[in-house]
């Protein structure tokens, strides 16, 4: 993958990679322009299962 060039800030850099469902993309709306579909691949089944077992962490941010 090659980085595209932004004339104001230089090359676009990847800042995050996420696993999103179609519903997630629908919620993000048209402002989220780049996504790459992947086929079901059982090579990552053990990783996805382990990620599903992680407990949610609550974060309380200070006001302001």
N, C-alpha and C. Protein backbone atom coordinates (compact mmCIF):
# COMPACT_ATOMS: atom_id res chain seq x y z
N UNK A 1 0.84 -1.16 0.00
CA UNK A 1 0.00 0.00 0.00
C UNK A 1 0.89 1.23 0.00
N UNK A 2 0.56 2.18 -0.82
CA UNK A 2 1.34 3.41 -0.84
C UNK A 2 0.57 4.52 -0.15
N UNK A 3 1.30 5.42 0.48
CA UNK A 3 0.66 6.54 1.16
C UNK A 3 0.32 7.61 0.14
N UNK A 4 -0.89 8.18 0.29
CA UNK A 4 -1.23 9.29 -0.59
C UNK A 4 -0.63 10.57 -0.02
N UNK A 5 -0.54 11.57 -0.83
CA UNK A 5 0.13 12.81 -0.42
C UNK A 5 -0.90 13.89 -0.13
N UNK A 6 -0.82 14.50 1.04
CA UNK A 6 -1.66 15.62 1.42
C UNK A 6 -0.79 16.86 1.30
N UNK A 7 -1.12 17.81 0.41
CA UNK A 7 -0.25 18.96 0.20
C UNK A 7 -0.06 19.84 1.43
N UNK A 8 -0.96 19.78 2.38
CA UNK A 8 -0.85 20.62 3.58
C UNK A 8 0.00 19.97 4.67
N UNK A 9 -0.07 18.66 4.80
CA UNK A 9 0.61 18.00 5.91
C UNK A 9 1.63 16.96 5.48
N UNK A 10 1.80 16.74 4.18
CA UNK A 10 2.72 15.71 3.74
C UNK A 10 2.01 14.40 3.52
N UNK A 11 2.73 13.29 3.52
CA UNK A 11 2.11 11.99 3.25
C UNK A 11 1.08 11.62 4.33
N UNK A 12 -0.04 11.05 3.88
CA UNK A 12 -1.02 10.53 4.84
C UNK A 12 -0.39 9.34 5.55
N UNK A 13 -0.52 9.32 6.84
CA UNK A 13 0.03 8.22 7.62
C UNK A 13 -1.10 7.39 8.22
N UNK A 14 -0.91 6.10 8.29
CA UNK A 14 -1.90 5.23 8.92
C UNK A 14 -1.81 5.48 10.42
N UNK A 15 -2.93 5.80 11.03
CA UNK A 15 -2.95 6.06 12.47
C UNK A 15 -3.75 5.01 13.23
N UNK A 16 -4.54 4.22 12.52
CA UNK A 16 -5.32 3.18 13.21
C UNK A 16 -5.76 2.12 12.22
N UNK A 17 -5.88 0.93 12.74
CA UNK A 17 -6.43 -0.19 11.99
C UNK A 17 -7.51 -0.78 12.86
N UNK A 18 -8.69 -1.03 12.31
CA UNK A 18 -9.77 -1.56 13.13
C UNK A 18 -10.55 -2.64 12.39
N UNK A 19 -11.21 -3.44 13.16
CA UNK A 19 -12.10 -4.45 12.62
C UNK A 19 -13.52 -3.92 12.80
N UNK A 20 -14.16 -3.58 11.70
CA UNK A 20 -15.48 -2.96 11.75
C UNK A 20 -16.49 -3.83 11.02
N UNK A 21 -17.71 -3.81 11.51
CA UNK A 21 -18.80 -4.48 10.81
C UNK A 21 -19.43 -3.47 9.85
N UNK A 22 -20.29 -3.94 8.97
CA UNK A 22 -20.99 -3.02 8.07
C UNK A 22 -21.81 -2.03 8.88
N UNK A 23 -22.39 -2.49 9.98
CA UNK A 23 -23.16 -1.58 10.85
C UNK A 23 -22.27 -0.46 11.39
N UNK A 24 -21.05 -0.80 11.80
CA UNK A 24 -20.10 0.21 12.27
C UNK A 24 -19.85 1.26 11.18
N UNK A 25 -19.64 0.79 9.94
CA UNK A 25 -19.41 1.72 8.84
C UNK A 25 -20.63 2.60 8.58
N UNK A 26 -21.82 2.01 8.71
CA UNK A 26 -23.04 2.78 8.53
C UNK A 26 -23.15 3.89 9.57
N UNK A 27 -22.79 3.59 10.81
CA UNK A 27 -22.83 4.58 11.88
C UNK A 27 -21.80 5.68 11.65
N UNK A 28 -20.62 5.32 11.17
CA UNK A 28 -19.57 6.30 10.90
C UNK A 28 -19.97 7.23 9.76
N UNK A 29 -20.78 6.74 8.84
CA UNK A 29 -21.29 7.58 7.77
C UNK A 29 -20.29 7.90 6.69
N UNK A 30 -20.63 8.89 5.89
CA UNK A 30 -19.83 9.22 4.72
C UNK A 30 -18.51 9.89 5.07
N UNK A 31 -18.36 10.36 6.30
CA UNK A 31 -17.10 10.97 6.70
C UNK A 31 -15.97 9.95 6.79
N UNK A 32 -16.32 8.70 6.90
CA UNK A 32 -15.33 7.62 6.94
C UNK A 32 -15.23 7.07 5.53
N UNK A 33 -14.20 7.46 4.82
CA UNK A 33 -14.14 7.19 3.38
C UNK A 33 -13.31 5.98 2.99
N UNK A 34 -12.39 5.54 3.82
CA UNK A 34 -11.52 4.45 3.39
C UNK A 34 -11.74 3.22 4.24
N UNK A 35 -12.15 2.17 3.58
CA UNK A 35 -12.26 0.87 4.26
C UNK A 35 -11.94 -0.20 3.22
N UNK A 36 -11.42 -1.30 3.69
CA UNK A 36 -11.04 -2.39 2.81
C UNK A 36 -11.73 -3.65 3.31
N UNK A 37 -12.60 -4.21 2.50
CA UNK A 37 -13.30 -5.43 2.88
C UNK A 37 -12.35 -6.61 2.88
N UNK A 38 -12.59 -7.52 3.79
CA UNK A 38 -11.82 -8.76 3.82
C UNK A 38 -12.79 -9.93 3.81
N UNK A 39 -12.37 -10.98 3.19
CA UNK A 39 -13.17 -12.20 3.15
C UNK A 39 -13.03 -12.93 4.48
N UNK A 40 -14.03 -13.74 4.80
CA UNK A 40 -13.92 -14.57 6.00
C UNK A 40 -12.69 -15.46 5.84
N UNK A 41 -11.83 -15.42 6.82
CA UNK A 41 -10.60 -16.21 6.77
C UNK A 41 -10.41 -16.83 8.14
N UNK A 42 -10.52 -18.11 8.22
CA UNK A 42 -10.44 -18.78 9.51
C UNK A 42 -9.02 -18.81 10.08
N UNK A 43 -8.06 -18.27 9.35
CA UNK A 43 -6.70 -18.22 9.85
C UNK A 43 -6.60 -17.32 11.09
N UNK A 44 -7.54 -16.39 11.23
CA UNK A 44 -7.53 -15.47 12.36
C UNK A 44 -8.60 -15.81 13.40
N UNK A 45 -9.23 -16.94 13.29
CA UNK A 45 -10.32 -17.31 14.19
C UNK A 45 -9.87 -17.32 15.65
N UNK A 46 -8.68 -17.84 15.92
CA UNK A 46 -8.21 -17.89 17.31
C UNK A 46 -7.95 -16.48 17.85
N UNK A 47 -7.43 -15.59 17.03
CA UNK A 47 -7.20 -14.22 17.46
C UNK A 47 -8.52 -13.51 17.73
N UNK A 48 -9.48 -13.65 16.84
CA UNK A 48 -10.78 -13.00 17.04
C UNK A 48 -11.49 -13.55 18.27
N UNK A 49 -11.36 -14.84 18.51
CA UNK A 49 -11.96 -15.44 19.70
C UNK A 49 -11.32 -14.87 20.97
N UNK A 50 -10.01 -14.72 20.97
CA UNK A 50 -9.31 -14.15 22.13
C UNK A 50 -9.73 -12.69 22.34
N UNK A 51 -9.87 -11.94 21.27
CA UNK A 51 -10.31 -10.54 21.39
C UNK A 51 -11.73 -10.45 21.95
N UNK A 52 -12.60 -11.38 21.55
CA UNK A 52 -13.97 -11.40 22.06
C UNK A 52 -14.02 -11.66 23.57
N UNK A 53 -13.00 -12.31 24.11
CA UNK A 53 -12.99 -12.64 25.54
C UNK A 53 -12.45 -11.51 26.43
N UNK A 54 -11.92 -10.46 25.83
CA UNK A 54 -11.39 -9.34 26.62
C UNK A 54 -12.54 -8.59 27.27
N UNK A 55 -12.39 -8.32 28.57
CA UNK A 55 -13.43 -7.60 29.28
C UNK A 55 -13.36 -6.12 28.98
N UNK A 56 -14.53 -5.49 28.96
CA UNK A 56 -14.61 -4.05 28.72
C UNK A 56 -13.98 -3.28 29.87
N UNK A 57 -13.31 -2.21 29.54
CA UNK A 57 -12.66 -1.36 30.53
C UNK A 57 -13.35 0.00 30.52
N UNK A 58 -13.79 0.47 31.67
CA UNK A 58 -14.39 1.79 31.76
C UNK A 58 -13.31 2.82 32.06
N UNK A 59 -13.41 3.93 31.37
CA UNK A 59 -12.45 5.02 31.56
C UNK A 59 -13.24 6.27 31.94
N UNK A 60 -12.86 6.87 33.04
CA UNK A 60 -13.50 8.11 33.47
C UNK A 60 -12.52 9.26 33.23
N UNK A 61 -12.94 10.18 32.38
CA UNK A 61 -12.08 11.32 32.07
C UNK A 61 -12.41 12.48 32.98
N UNK A 62 -11.40 13.24 33.37
CA UNK A 62 -11.66 14.41 34.21
C UNK A 62 -12.44 15.46 33.42
N UNK A 63 -13.30 16.24 34.08
CA UNK A 63 -14.07 17.25 33.36
C UNK A 63 -13.15 18.29 32.72
N UNK A 64 -13.60 18.81 31.58
CA UNK A 64 -12.89 19.91 30.92
C UNK A 64 -11.90 19.42 30.03
